[in-house]
Amino acid sequence: MLRMLDHLEEWIITFLIGAATLIIFAAVVHRYLTGLPIPGVQDALLKLNFSWAQELCIIMFVWMAKFGAAYGVRTGIHVGVDVVINRLRARHRARFIVFGLLAGALFTGIVATLGATFVWENGAHQAIFKLFGLATDLPEGPTTPDLEWPTWIVYSAIPLGSSLMCFRFLQVTWSFIRTGELPHHDHGHVDGLEEGVDPRTPGEEDKIYRMADDLHPLDIPGGRERRLREMGPPPGIPERRSTMPGALNSGFGDKDNGKNNANKDKRP
């Protein structure tokens, strides 16, 4: 049951952010293309009405934020200032953590209760009575300007999202009391990649920096000699020695070459 709730939570967030992105993209493209004097295309685009796109995206982002906050409690991605808490002893630290989690559950529970009352009085009671065929003289609630949706549907994100967030706080509290661990989100983790496995071959950690391919020039100072010294000559090509005097033939960091240079500097 909990796993199904987790998946439903993730699907709602994914759908909302994906759909909102596509709607915004389509509205922006429509706005710019209608300003171009393209015969036939401009007239066809002007017949399309995208005035509802902004309002719908705002509603979708509000719902996404409320359910995303509950997802953040479950996965531990909310930012927390725990410098002082981590300096306490383990026993006192656990007490403060439980107190903080229960305070979060209390706050979100109050918000959910007040939000449900507001939604009920904003037109939800009339819609529910009408749905079940109950006689009522209650007036209909207000509607949104562009979409003309009942506002109680839009505001339902507050009690639903806050209730789910309250449940997540209680879930994390119970898990912490049982195991002593809090949910932790590793920002460096990528789904699908195995952790703790080094894909590099021993001895070839710096292979990407060697430029051992035909894509980099060989006429840089010491480039050819350094490549031959580190990797050897290419297959089928005999090794050639450079006729250039100085450091290129002797190699970088050659102690004898450094001594010879030092002796040359001391000559009168």
Protein backbone atom coordinates (compact mmCIF):
# COMPACT_ATOMS: atom_id res chain seq x y z
CA MET A 1 0.00 0.00 0.00
CA LEU A 2 2.77 2.42 0.92
CA ARG A 3 4.70 1.53 -2.20
CA MET A 4 1.64 2.28 -4.31
CA LEU A 5 1.28 5.63 -2.55
CA ASP A 6 4.96 6.37 -3.22
CA HIS A 7 4.56 5.63 -6.92
CA LEU A 8 1.35 7.66 -7.14
CA GLU A 9 3.13 10.60 -5.53
CA GLU A 10 6.00 10.39 -7.99
CA TRP A 11 3.69 9.98 -11.00
CA ILE A 12 1.66 13.05 -10.04
CA ILE A 13 4.79 15.19 -9.69
CA THR A 14 6.29 13.90 -12.93
CA PHE A 15 3.09 14.42 -14.90
CA LEU A 16 2.52 17.93 -13.57
CA ILE A 17 6.04 19.22 -14.24
CA GLY A 18 6.19 17.55 -17.67
CA ALA A 19 2.76 18.79 -18.79
CA ALA A 20 3.42 22.31 -17.49
CA THR A 21 6.71 22.45 -19.39
CA LEU A 22 5.07 21.38 -22.65
CA ILE A 23 2.20 23.85 -22.24
CA ILE A 24 4.55 26.75 -21.54
CA PHE A 25 6.70 25.80 -24.53
CA ALA A 26 3.67 25.62 -26.84
CA ALA A 27 2.32 28.96 -25.56
CA VAL A 28 5.66 30.73 -26.10
CA VAL A 29 6.09 29.31 -29.61
CA HIS A 30 2.52 30.31 -30.44
CA ARG A 31 3.09 33.84 -29.18
CA TYR A 32 6.20 34.38 -31.32
CA LEU A 33 4.88 32.71 -34.46
CA THR A 34 1.72 34.81 -34.46
CA GLY A 35 3.93 37.88 -34.74
CA LEU A 36 5.54 36.67 -37.95
CA PRO A 37 3.76 37.68 -41.19
CA ILE A 38 3.65 34.17 -42.64
CA PRO A 39 0.76 33.80 -45.13
CA GLY A 40 -1.77 31.22 -43.97
CA VAL A 41 0.20 30.23 -40.87
CA GLN A 42 -0.35 33.48 -39.03
CA ASP A 43 -4.10 33.42 -39.63
CA ALA A 44 -4.35 29.82 -38.48
CA LEU A 45 -2.38 30.53 -35.30
CA LEU A 46 -4.43 33.60 -34.46
CA LYS A 47 -7.50 31.39 -34.32
CA LEU A 48 -5.92 29.36 -31.50
CA ASN A 49 -6.56 30.66 -28.01
CA PHE A 50 -3.75 30.11 -25.51
CA SER A 51 -4.93 32.65 -22.94
CA TRP A 52 -5.63 29.79 -20.53
CA ALA A 53 -2.05 28.45 -20.61
CA GLN A 54 -0.61 30.74 -17.95
CA GLU A 55 -3.42 30.12 -15.49
CA LEU A 56 -3.27 26.36 -15.98
CA CYS A 57 0.49 26.27 -15.50
CA ILE A 58 0.22 28.26 -12.28
CA ILE A 59 -2.34 25.79 -10.96
CA MET A 60 -0.16 22.84 -11.98
CA PHE A 61 2.92 24.30 -10.31
CA VAL A 62 0.98 24.87 -7.08
CA TRP A 63 -0.14 21.25 -7.03
CA MET A 64 3.35 20.09 -7.91
CA ALA A 65 4.84 22.15 -5.06
CA LYS A 66 2.46 20.72 -2.46
CA PHE A 67 3.00 17.11 -3.46
CA GLY A 68 6.70 17.76 -4.01
CA ALA A 69 6.99 18.98 -0.41
CA ALA A 70 5.57 15.67 0.81
CA TYR A 71 7.99 13.83 -1.46
CA GLY A 72 10.83 15.88 0.03
CA VAL A 73 9.92 14.80 3.56
CA ARG A 74 9.90 11.15 2.53
CA THR A 75 13.25 11.28 0.73
CA GLY A 76 15.02 13.75 3.01
CA ILE A 77 15.79 16.44 0.42
CA HIS A 78 14.52 19.37 2.48
CA VAL A 79 17.21 21.75 3.69
CA GLY A 80 17.77 21.64 7.44
CA VAL A 81 20.12 23.56 9.73
CA ASP A 82 21.45 20.82 12.01
CA VAL A 83 24.79 22.23 13.14
CA VAL A 84 23.75 22.46 16.79
CA ILE A 85 21.75 19.22 16.72
CA ASN A 86 24.73 17.22 15.45
CA ARG A 87 26.89 18.46 18.35
CA LEU A 88 24.55 17.02 20.96
CA ARG A 89 24.83 13.61 22.48
CA ALA A 90 23.07 10.82 20.67
CA ARG A 91 20.28 10.60 23.24
CA HIS A 92 19.51 14.31 23.25
CA ARG A 93 19.92 14.52 19.50
CA ALA A 94 17.27 11.83 18.99
CA ARG A 95 14.83 13.69 21.22
CA PHE A 96 15.25 16.93 19.31
CA ILE A 97 14.84 15.15 15.99
CA VAL A 98 11.60 13.51 17.10
CA PHE A 99 10.38 16.86 18.44
CA GLY A 100 11.13 18.55 15.11
CA LEU A 101 9.38 15.84 13.10
CA LEU A 102 6.30 15.92 15.31
CA ALA A 103 6.25 19.72 15.11
CA GLY A 104 6.25 19.44 11.33
CA ALA A 105 3.41 16.94 11.47
CA LEU A 106 1.42 19.23 13.77
CA PHE A 107 1.95 22.27 11.56
CA THR A 108 1.02 20.51 8.33
CA GLY A 109 -1.96 18.89 10.05
CA ILE A 110 -3.26 22.31 11.10
CA VAL A 111 -2.73 23.68 7.57
CA ALA A 112 -4.59 20.69 6.12
CA THR A 113 -7.51 21.18 8.51
CA LEU A 114 -7.82 24.90 7.83
CA GLY A 115 -7.41 24.29 4.09
CA ALA A 116 -10.14 21.67 4.09
CA THR A 117 -12.48 24.07 5.88
CA PHE A 118 -11.71 26.80 3.37
CA VAL A 119 -12.27 24.48 0.39
CA TRP A 120 -15.55 23.23 1.87
CA GLU A 121 -16.88 26.74 2.33
CA ASN A 122 -15.60 27.91 -1.05
CA GLY A 123 -18.02 25.81 -3.05
CA ALA A 124 -17.08 22.19 -2.43
CA HIS A 125 -20.12 21.61 -0.20
CA GLN A 126 -22.50 22.77 -2.94
CA ALA A 127 -20.78 20.58 -5.57
CA ILE A 128 -20.86 17.50 -3.32
CA PHE A 129 -24.52 17.99 -2.43
CA LYS A 130 -25.35 18.39 -6.09
CA LEU A 131 -23.34 15.29 -7.01
CA PHE A 132 -25.30 13.09 -4.61
CA GLY A 133 -28.62 14.71 -5.50
CA LEU A 134 -29.17 16.32 -2.12
CA ALA A 135 -31.40 19.35 -1.94
CA THR A 136 -29.54 22.51 -1.04
CA ASP A 137 -29.97 26.21 -1.47
CA LEU A 138 -26.25 26.93 -1.15
CA PRO A 139 -24.83 29.12 -3.92
CA GLU A 140 -22.08 27.94 -6.23
CA GLY A 141 -18.56 28.98 -5.43
CA PRO A 142 -16.39 31.32 -7.52
CA THR A 143 -14.56 30.22 -10.66
CA THR A 144 -11.15 31.00 -12.14
CA PRO A 145 -10.95 33.88 -14.68
CA ASP A 146 -9.70 32.05 -17.79
CA LEU A 147 -10.49 28.37 -17.37
CA GLU A 148 -13.67 29.06 -15.40
CA TRP A 149 -12.97 26.13 -13.12
CA PRO A 150 -14.42 26.11 -9.59
CA THR A 151 -11.79 27.58 -7.31
CA TRP A 152 -12.36 24.90 -4.69
CA ILE A 153 -10.78 22.40 -7.09
CA VAL A 154 -7.68 24.56 -7.36
CA TYR A 155 -7.47 25.16 -3.61
CA SER A 156 -7.87 21.44 -2.90
CA ALA A 157 -4.10 21.18 -3.33
CA ILE A 158 -3.72 22.70 0.14
CA PRO A 159 -5.60 20.10 2.21
CA LEU A 160 -4.51 17.16 0.03
CA GLY A 161 -0.83 18.09 -0.15
CA SER A 162 -0.62 19.13 3.50
CA SER A 163 -2.35 15.94 4.65
CA LEU A 164 0.13 13.85 2.67
CA MET A 165 2.99 15.88 4.08
CA CYS A 166 1.68 15.35 7.63
CA PHE A 167 1.51 11.62 6.98
CA ARG A 168 5.10 11.65 5.70
CA PHE A 169 6.29 13.41 8.87
CA LEU A 170 4.61 10.76 11.00
CA GLN A 171 6.04 8.01 8.77
CA VAL A 172 9.58 9.36 9.09
CA THR A 173 9.13 9.79 12.86
CA TRP A 174 8.07 6.18 13.30
CA SER A 175 10.92 4.96 11.12
CA PHE A 176 13.44 7.03 13.10
CA ILE A 177 12.16 5.69 16.43
CA ARG A 178 12.49 2.13 15.16
CA THR A 179 15.82 2.34 13.30
CA GLY A 180 17.46 5.57 14.47
CA GLU A 181 18.01 6.67 10.87
CA LEU A 182 16.60 9.55 8.88
CA PRO A 183 15.99 9.50 5.12
CA HIS A 184 19.03 10.90 3.36
CA HIS A 185 19.26 12.01 -0.24
CA ASP A 186 22.65 11.79 -1.94
CA HIS A 187 22.79 14.62 -4.49
CA GLY A 188 25.69 12.92 -6.25
CA HIS A 189 23.81 9.67 -6.81
CA VAL A 190 22.54 8.89 -10.29
CA ASP A 191 19.90 6.20 -10.71
CA GLY A 192 21.13 3.36 -12.89
CA LEU A 193 24.80 3.65 -11.93
CA GLU A 194 26.33 1.21 -9.50
CA GLU A 195 27.92 2.84 -6.48
CA GLY A 196 31.27 1.78 -5.09
CA VAL A 197 32.50 0.40 -8.43
CA ASP A 198 35.41 2.15 -10.13
CA PRO A 199 34.95 1.67 -13.90
CA ARG A 200 38.54 2.70 -14.63
CA THR A 201 41.21 0.08 -15.32
CA PRO A 202 44.13 0.11 -12.84
CA GLY A 203 47.04 2.05 -14.27
CA GLU A 204 44.92 3.91 -16.81
CA GLU A 205 43.22 6.48 -14.55
CA ASP A 206 44.84 9.35 -16.48
CA LYS A 207 44.34 7.85 -19.94
CA ILE A 208 41.82 10.52 -20.85
CA TYR A 209 44.49 13.19 -20.34
CA ARG A 210 47.25 11.50 -22.41
CA MET A 211 45.88 12.64 -25.80
CA ALA A 212 46.86 9.25 -27.21
CA ASP A 213 44.87 9.57 -30.40
CA ASP A 214 45.03 11.20 -33.82
CA LEU A 215 42.90 14.16 -32.78
CA HIS A 216 45.64 16.22 -31.11
CA PRO A 217 48.65 17.84 -32.83
CA LEU A 218 52.10 16.32 -32.41
CA ASP A 219 54.15 19.43 -33.16
CA ILE A 220 53.95 20.84 -29.65
CA PRO A 221 57.31 21.16 -27.84
CA GLY A 222 58.25 17.76 -26.55
CA GLY A 223 54.88 16.28 -27.51
CA ARG A 224 56.22 13.58 -29.80
CA GLU A 225 59.11 12.65 -27.51
CA ARG A 226 56.86 12.56 -24.45
CA ARG A 227 54.36 10.36 -26.26
CA LEU A 228 57.05 7.94 -27.41
CA ARG A 229 58.51 7.80 -23.93
CA GLU A 230 55.15 7.07 -22.26
CA MET A 231 53.45 4.85 -24.84
CA GLY A 232 56.09 3.76 -27.31
CA PRO A 233 55.93 4.13 -31.09
CA PRO A 234 52.64 3.47 -32.92
CA PRO A 235 52.23 -0.09 -34.26
CA GLY A 236 54.07 -0.64 -37.54
CA ILE A 237 56.09 2.58 -37.30
CA PRO A 238 59.75 2.31 -36.24
CA GLU A 239 60.92 4.59 -33.46
CA ARG A 240 62.77 7.68 -34.64
CA ARG A 241 65.03 9.81 -32.53
CA SER A 242 64.74 13.55 -32.74
CA THR A 243 67.72 15.52 -33.98
CA MET A 244 66.74 18.61 -31.99
CA PRO A 245 69.32 19.54 -29.38
CA GLY A 246 68.60 20.34 -25.77
CA ALA A 247 65.74 19.33 -23.56
CA LEU A 248 63.66 17.63 -26.27
CA ASN A 249 66.21 14.82 -26.76
CA SER A 250 67.10 14.48 -23.11
CA GLY A 251 63.52 14.49 -21.85
CA PHE A 252 61.85 16.56 -19.15
CA GLY A 253 63.30 16.42 -15.70
CA ASP A 254 66.60 14.84 -16.85
CA LYS A 255 69.05 15.16 -13.98
CA ASP A 256 72.16 14.94 -16.21
CA ASN A 257 70.85 17.64 -18.49
CA GLY A 258 70.17 19.85 -15.46
CA LYS A 259 73.74 19.32 -14.22
CA ASN A 260 75.19 20.14 -17.63
CA ASN A 261 73.18 23.32 -17.80
CA ALA A 262 74.32 24.26 -14.32
CA ASN A 263 77.98 23.70 -15.28
CA LYS A 264 77.55 25.81 -18.42
CA ASP A 265 76.24 28.67 -16.32
CA LYS A 266 79.34 28.56 -14.09
CA ARG A 267 81.80 28.83 -16.99
CA PRO A 268 83.49 32.26 -17.35
